[in-house]
Protein backbone atom coordinates (compact mmCIF):
# COMPACT_ATOMS: atom_id res chain seq x y z
CA MET A 1 0.00 -0.01 0.08
CA GLY A 2 2.84 2.33 0.94
CA GLN A 3 4.52 1.43 -2.22
CA GLU A 4 1.24 2.07 -4.36
CA MET A 5 1.09 5.42 -2.69
CA SER A 6 4.62 6.27 -3.49
CA PHE A 7 4.16 5.31 -6.89
CA ILE A 8 1.16 7.48 -7.34
CA LYS A 9 2.87 10.56 -5.57
CA LYS A 10 5.89 10.47 -7.98
CA PRO A 11 4.22 11.12 -11.23
CA ALA A 12 1.81 13.48 -9.48
CA LEU A 13 4.69 15.55 -8.20
CA ALA A 14 6.20 15.39 -11.62
CA ILE A 15 3.06 16.70 -13.21
CA ILE A 16 2.81 19.63 -10.64
CA LEU A 17 6.36 20.48 -11.31
CA ALA A 18 5.92 20.31 -15.15
CA ALA A 19 2.92 22.57 -14.81
CA GLY A 20 4.86 24.96 -12.67
CA LEU A 21 7.72 25.02 -15.22
CA SER A 22 5.36 25.44 -18.03
CA GLN A 23 3.68 28.38 -16.29
CA ALA A 24 7.04 29.98 -15.83
CA VAL A 25 8.05 29.40 -19.36
CA GLY A 26 4.85 30.76 -20.40
CA LEU A 27 5.29 33.92 -18.29
CA SER A 28 8.72 34.64 -19.67
CA GLN A 29 7.93 34.01 -23.16
CA SER A 30 4.43 35.53 -23.42
CA PRO A 31 4.22 37.32 -26.93
CA LEU A 32 1.54 39.81 -25.58
CA PRO A 33 1.93 42.43 -23.36
CA PRO A 34 -0.23 42.07 -20.02
CA THR A 35 -3.40 43.94 -19.50
CA ASN A 36 -4.01 46.32 -16.69
CA ALA A 37 -6.21 43.54 -14.94
CA ASN A 38 -3.27 40.95 -15.43
CA LEU A 39 -0.72 43.35 -13.77
CA SER A 40 -3.00 43.92 -10.93
CA SER A 41 -3.47 40.38 -10.12
CA ASN A 42 0.10 39.42 -11.04
CA PRO A 43 2.68 42.20 -10.27
CA ALA A 44 5.48 39.75 -10.92
CA LEU A 45 4.73 40.20 -14.59
CA VAL A 46 6.39 43.82 -14.47
CA SER A 47 9.57 42.21 -13.28
CA ASP A 48 9.54 39.54 -15.74
CA TRP A 49 9.28 41.94 -18.71
CA ALA A 50 11.86 44.25 -17.19
CA GLU A 51 14.19 41.32 -17.14
CA ARG A 52 13.42 40.46 -20.77
CA LEU A 53 13.98 44.02 -21.88
CA LEU A 54 17.37 44.14 -20.07
CA ALA A 55 18.46 40.50 -20.88
CA ASN A 56 21.96 39.79 -22.01
CA ASP A 57 20.72 38.01 -24.84
CA ALA A 58 20.04 40.50 -27.81
CA LYS A 59 17.58 38.22 -29.45
CA GLU A 60 15.49 38.08 -26.27
CA ARG A 61 15.63 41.78 -25.77
CA ALA A 62 14.44 42.48 -29.38
CA THR A 63 11.76 40.01 -29.06
CA ALA A 64 10.21 41.51 -25.89
CA GLU A 65 10.63 45.06 -27.46
CA ALA A 66 8.95 44.07 -30.48
CA ALA A 67 6.19 42.42 -28.62
CA LEU A 68 5.46 45.68 -26.83
CA VAL A 69 5.66 47.94 -29.83
CA LYS A 70 3.30 45.57 -31.66
CA GLY A 71 0.98 45.43 -28.63
CA SER A 72 0.58 49.41 -29.16
CA GLY A 73 -2.12 50.85 -26.88
CA ARG A 74 -2.37 47.51 -24.91
CA SER A 75 1.22 47.76 -23.84
CA LEU A 76 0.83 51.26 -21.98
CA PRO A 77 -0.21 50.01 -18.69
CA LEU A 78 2.96 47.90 -18.45
CA LEU A 79 5.07 50.66 -19.82
CA ARG A 80 3.81 53.16 -17.27
CA ARG A 81 4.97 50.75 -14.56
CA LEU A 82 8.37 50.21 -16.13
CA LEU A 83 8.91 54.12 -16.21
CA ALA A 84 8.39 53.86 -12.35
CA SER A 85 11.76 51.82 -12.12
CA ASP A 86 14.84 53.39 -10.70
CA ASP A 87 16.87 51.80 -13.34
CA GLU A 88 17.83 54.22 -15.87
CA ASN A 89 18.65 51.52 -18.49
CA LEU A 90 15.15 50.19 -18.19
CA ARG A 91 13.68 53.64 -18.48
CA GLN A 92 15.66 54.51 -21.66
CA GLU A 93 14.51 51.08 -23.14
CA THR A 94 10.88 52.10 -22.35
CA PHE A 95 11.33 55.68 -23.80
CA GLU A 96 12.40 54.03 -27.09
CA ILE A 97 9.47 51.61 -27.19
CA ILE A 98 7.08 54.56 -26.50
CA ARG A 99 8.57 56.38 -29.32
CA GLN A 100 8.13 53.45 -31.62
CA ILE A 101 4.75 53.14 -30.79
CA GLY A 102 3.93 56.66 -31.62
CA THR A 103 0.43 58.01 -31.74
CA PRO A 104 -1.38 55.19 -29.94
CA ALA A 105 0.81 56.40 -27.01
CA PHE A 106 -0.50 59.81 -27.03
CA SER A 107 -2.28 59.43 -23.48
CA LEU A 108 0.91 58.43 -22.10
CA LEU A 109 3.11 61.11 -23.65
CA VAL A 110 0.60 63.82 -22.62
CA ASP A 111 1.06 62.49 -18.99
CA LEU A 112 4.75 62.58 -19.43
CA LEU A 113 4.76 66.35 -20.64
CA ARG A 114 3.44 66.97 -16.91
CA HIS A 115 5.79 64.69 -15.18
CA GLU A 116 7.76 66.07 -12.18
CA GLU A 117 11.08 64.76 -13.54
CA VAL A 118 12.43 66.97 -16.43
CA SER A 119 14.03 64.02 -18.19
CA PHE A 120 10.44 62.56 -18.77
CA ARG A 121 9.12 66.02 -19.93
CA ARG A 122 11.98 66.26 -22.22
CA PHE A 123 11.54 62.87 -23.81
CA ALA A 124 7.71 63.50 -24.33
CA ALA A 125 8.28 66.94 -26.10
CA ASP A 126 10.96 65.55 -28.36
CA ALA A 127 8.95 62.50 -29.37
CA LEU A 128 5.91 64.56 -30.14
CA ILE A 129 7.89 66.74 -32.78
CA ASP A 130 7.77 63.57 -35.01
CA LEU A 131 4.03 62.81 -34.52
CA ALA A 132 2.56 65.50 -36.47
CA PRO A 133 -0.05 66.10 -37.83
CA ASP A 134 -1.65 63.57 -35.44
CA THR A 135 -0.63 66.14 -32.63
CA GLU A 136 -3.16 68.54 -33.76
CA SER A 137 -5.59 67.10 -31.21
CA ILE A 138 -3.13 67.55 -28.33
CA GLN A 139 -2.33 71.24 -28.96
CA LEU A 140 -3.56 72.28 -25.46
CA ALA A 141 -1.04 70.05 -23.95
CA LEU A 142 1.70 71.45 -26.14
CA ARG A 143 0.67 74.91 -25.45
CA GLN A 144 0.85 74.25 -21.72
CA ALA A 145 4.45 72.77 -22.21
CA LEU A 146 5.47 76.16 -23.86
CA ARG A 147 5.43 77.50 -20.15
CA ASP A 148 7.63 74.61 -18.75
CA ASP A 149 10.43 75.79 -16.51
CA ASP A 150 12.82 73.83 -18.67
CA ALA A 151 14.05 75.61 -21.83
CA MET A 152 14.49 72.23 -23.73
CA VAL A 153 10.86 71.24 -23.03
CA ALA A 154 9.55 74.60 -23.79
CA GLY A 155 11.50 74.77 -27.15
CA ASP A 156 10.67 71.46 -28.11
CA ALA A 157 7.05 71.98 -27.51
CA ALA A 158 7.42 74.93 -29.98
CA ARG A 159 9.01 72.77 -32.49
CA ALA A 160 6.22 70.22 -32.02
CA LEU A 161 3.64 73.00 -32.83
CA GLY A 162 5.70 74.26 -35.68
CA ALA A 163 5.67 70.62 -37.19
CA LEU A 164 1.93 71.11 -37.57
CA GLY A 165 2.23 73.99 -39.98
CA GLU A 166 -0.92 75.94 -40.41
CA ARG A 167 -2.93 73.57 -38.20
CA ALA A 168 -1.16 75.19 -35.22
CA SER A 169 -2.99 78.51 -35.98
CA PRO A 170 -5.05 78.14 -32.87
CA SER A 171 -1.62 78.36 -30.90
CA VAL A 172 -0.54 81.58 -32.33
CA ALA A 173 -1.24 83.63 -29.24
CA ASP A 174 0.74 81.27 -27.08
CA LEU A 175 3.62 81.23 -29.43
CA VAL A 176 3.62 85.02 -29.63
CA ASN A 177 3.88 85.06 -25.78
CA THR A 178 6.87 82.69 -26.12
CA LEU A 179 8.76 85.09 -28.20
CA SER A 180 9.77 86.95 -25.11
CA HIS A 181 11.12 83.69 -23.28
CA GLU A 182 14.48 84.19 -21.56
CA ASP A 183 16.14 81.37 -23.45
CA PRO A 184 16.97 82.00 -27.12
CA TYR A 185 16.43 78.27 -28.05
CA VAL A 186 12.87 78.69 -27.09
CA ARG A 187 12.37 82.14 -28.84
CA ILE A 188 13.94 80.68 -32.02
CA TYR A 189 11.70 77.85 -32.19
CA ALA A 190 8.59 79.89 -31.20
CA ALA A 191 9.37 82.13 -34.25
CA GLU A 192 9.98 79.19 -36.49
CA ALA A 193 6.49 77.81 -35.56
CA LEU A 194 4.97 81.10 -36.43
CA ALA A 195 6.76 80.84 -39.75
CA SER A 196 5.37 77.35 -40.51
CA ILE A 197 1.87 78.50 -39.76
CA GLY A 198 2.22 81.10 -42.32
CA PRO A 199 -0.54 83.74 -43.41
CA LYS A 200 -2.68 82.52 -40.47
CA ALA A 201 0.14 83.89 -37.89
CA GLY A 202 -0.66 87.47 -39.13
CA ALA A 203 -1.64 88.38 -35.44
CA ALA A 204 1.97 87.92 -34.67
CA ALA A 205 3.43 90.47 -36.89
CA LYS A 206 4.02 93.29 -34.49
CA ASP A 207 5.90 90.83 -32.09
CA LEU A 208 7.89 89.58 -34.75
CA ALA A 209 9.02 92.91 -35.87
CA THR A 210 10.19 93.59 -32.39
CA ALA A 211 12.03 90.08 -32.55
CA LEU A 212 14.00 91.45 -35.51
CA GLY A 213 16.00 93.46 -32.87
CA ASP A 214 16.68 90.31 -30.67
CA PRO A 215 20.48 90.02 -29.60
CA ILE A 216 20.60 86.57 -30.95
CA PRO A 217 21.01 86.27 -34.72
CA GLY A 218 19.08 82.95 -34.95
CA VAL A 219 16.02 84.76 -33.48
CA ARG A 220 16.20 87.52 -35.95
CA TRP A 221 16.64 85.13 -38.83
CA ALA A 222 13.47 82.92 -37.63
CA ALA A 223 11.63 86.28 -37.19
CA GLY A 224 12.37 87.28 -40.72
CA GLU A 225 11.22 83.80 -41.84
CA ALA A 226 7.93 84.18 -40.12
CA LEU A 227 7.25 87.60 -41.45
CA ALA A 228 7.93 86.35 -45.08
CA GLY A 229 5.46 83.55 -44.26
CA ILE A 230 2.94 85.93 -43.22
CA GLY A 231 3.12 87.98 -46.31
CA PRO A 232 0.99 91.29 -46.84
CA ALA A 233 -0.36 91.22 -43.48
CA ALA A 234 3.11 91.93 -41.99
CA GLN A 235 3.05 95.47 -43.49
CA LEU A 236 3.47 97.07 -40.16
CA ALA A 237 6.99 95.36 -39.95
CA VAL A 238 8.53 97.23 -42.97
CA PRO A 239 10.47 99.66 -40.97
CA GLN A 240 12.12 96.91 -39.01
CA LEU A 241 12.65 94.85 -42.05
CA ILE A 242 14.41 97.75 -43.84
CA GLU A 243 16.70 98.20 -40.74
CA ALA A 244 17.29 94.35 -40.84
CA LEU A 245 18.66 94.59 -44.47
CA LYS A 246 21.80 96.04 -42.70
CA ASP A 247 22.05 93.26 -40.23
CA GLU A 248 25.74 91.89 -39.75
CA PHE A 249 24.50 88.37 -40.55
CA LEU A 250 23.79 87.46 -44.23
CA TYR A 251 21.02 85.18 -43.57
CA VAL A 252 19.08 87.73 -41.60
CA ARG A 253 19.43 90.08 -44.45
CA ILE A 254 18.12 87.56 -46.95
CA CYS A 255 15.12 86.91 -44.88
CA ALA A 256 14.49 90.44 -44.49
CA ALA A 257 14.63 90.97 -48.25
CA GLU A 258 12.17 87.79 -48.92
CA ALA A 259 9.78 89.23 -46.10
CA LEU A 260 9.77 92.60 -47.89
CA GLY A 261 9.07 91.01 -51.12
CA SER A 262 6.39 88.59 -49.68
CA ILE A 263 4.53 91.87 -48.40
CA GLY A 264 4.56 93.18 -51.98
CA PRO A 265 3.23 96.56 -52.91
CA LYS A 266 2.61 97.45 -49.34
CA ALA A 267 6.34 97.53 -48.94
CA GLN A 268 6.99 100.44 -51.32
CA SER A 269 8.83 102.35 -48.54
CA ALA A 270 11.50 99.76 -48.68
CA ARG A 271 12.37 100.14 -52.36
CA GLN A 272 15.54 102.52 -51.88
CA ALA A 273 16.90 100.23 -49.21
CA LEU A 274 16.35 97.22 -51.40
CA ILE A 275 18.08 98.86 -54.33
CA ALA A 276 21.12 99.53 -52.00
CA SER A 277 20.97 95.97 -50.92
CA ALA A 278 21.04 94.62 -54.40
CA ASN A 279 24.53 96.13 -54.87
CA GLU A 280 25.76 93.29 -52.32
CA PRO A 281 26.49 90.34 -54.50
CA ALA A 282 25.40 87.75 -52.02
CA LEU A 283 22.04 89.58 -51.67
CA ARG A 284 21.27 90.67 -55.18
CA ASP A 285 18.97 87.83 -56.16
CA GLN A 286 16.78 88.29 -53.09
CA ALA A 287 16.70 92.04 -53.39
CA GLU A 288 15.80 91.87 -57.06
CA TRP A 289 13.09 89.44 -56.42
CA ALA A 290 11.68 91.67 -53.50
CA LEU A 291 11.81 94.74 -55.95
CA ASN A 292 9.88 92.82 -58.58
CA ARG A 293 7.15 91.71 -55.98
CA ILE A 294 6.75 95.31 -54.66
CA ALA A 295 6.38 96.52 -58.38
CA GLY A 296 3.84 93.84 -58.89
CA ILE A 297 5.82 92.02 -61.34
CA GLU A 298 5.78 88.17 -60.86
CA SER A 299 8.34 87.27 -63.48
CA GLY A 300 11.86 86.65 -62.69
CA ARG A 301 13.14 89.85 -64.52
CA ALA A 302 14.93 92.25 -62.24
CA VAL A 303 13.51 95.78 -61.92
CA VAL A 304 17.07 97.31 -61.18
CA ALA A 305 19.35 94.86 -63.21
CA THR A 306 20.65 97.59 -65.42
CA ASN A 307 21.62 99.77 -62.57
CA LEU A 308 23.70 97.17 -60.71
CA PRO A 309 27.34 96.22 -61.02
CA GLY A 310 28.23 92.57 -61.89
CA PRO A 311 28.65 90.23 -59.04
CA SER A 312 32.13 89.53 -57.90
CA ILE A 313 31.36 86.36 -55.96
CA PRO A 314 28.78 83.51 -56.78
CA LEU A 315 25.35 84.75 -55.86
CA GLN A 316 23.19 82.89 -53.25
CA PRO A 317 20.36 81.13 -54.51
CA THR A 318 16.81 82.62 -53.88
CA THR A 319 15.59 80.83 -50.78
CA THR A 320 12.23 80.42 -49.44
CA VAL A 321 10.74 80.03 -45.92
CA ALA A 322 10.57 76.32 -46.17
CA GLN A 323 14.18 75.93 -47.55
CA THR A 324 16.11 78.02 -44.92
CA GLY A 325 15.88 75.33 -42.26
CA ASN A 326 16.27 75.92 -38.53
CA PRO A 327 18.45 78.87 -37.52
CA PRO A 328 21.13 78.29 -35.07
CA VAL A 329 21.26 80.02 -31.72
CA ASP A 330 24.52 81.45 -32.85
CA TRP A 331 26.94 81.25 -35.91
CA ASP A 332 30.08 82.65 -37.34
CA THR A 333 29.77 86.26 -37.89
CA ALA A 334 31.45 85.91 -41.24
CA MET A 335 28.29 84.10 -42.70
């Protein structure tokens, strides 16, 4: 009888052990991220996924990462818990997964924009730059981030709004307020965002005209771009744009000429200043184009061509707002 019981117990024990092993294997190799209910009932799942994401085996790490990215919105409860870890490597892995998930992670990214840790807010603002135009629906969160204490967060929030183009027109007033930020990084990208909005940013013309006197050349450049994008509605900035034609930085002068040309016939008072600027070989094309526009001539024929000396150096190609790119905070004064 005792032998029979022993005979029975051994296979039963083996079955129990096998079942436990199977459960452990299933836990560590589960292809799907756990739901919120699963995490609440089995907190060990968080540690299990953390170990997989930090495993020494590259294939295991890649498999876990791919599963969470594929899980998309389903992965968010787990990702929130992983971000609560003190392990910086795990946080960085989690950030990368959120970036790859993209738009379905908006709810999490918006929460991270308000996180107490600046590194979380910086990550969220940076990640949202590349998610336009889907970010149109979360402009309120981005506008709030413009007022962040950290300049990188505020500047990248402006960049994220700028990536929306004219869709960011509801944010013009907040971007105008940001033009007076103490950090030039933020001021530059606030002006760049207004430039990308274009004519719908007309209400910003007065403040952009003021920004043409900013001590940082990159801000002046971006302000000129924005005024060029606004067009005729920027007429009140003509006096400041005339002054900007004498800026020590070539790119600022180029943008000033383009802005005056974009304003068109309403910039008549800038004709003499543009004629003088056209004597500068590197500015000649832009000045001629602006004079044509002011005269109401849409062709490429230069109004003042017969009165100008031949260029002594290769001319700068005529640029547009979209082509000038992001102005640096500083650059070589020889440019």
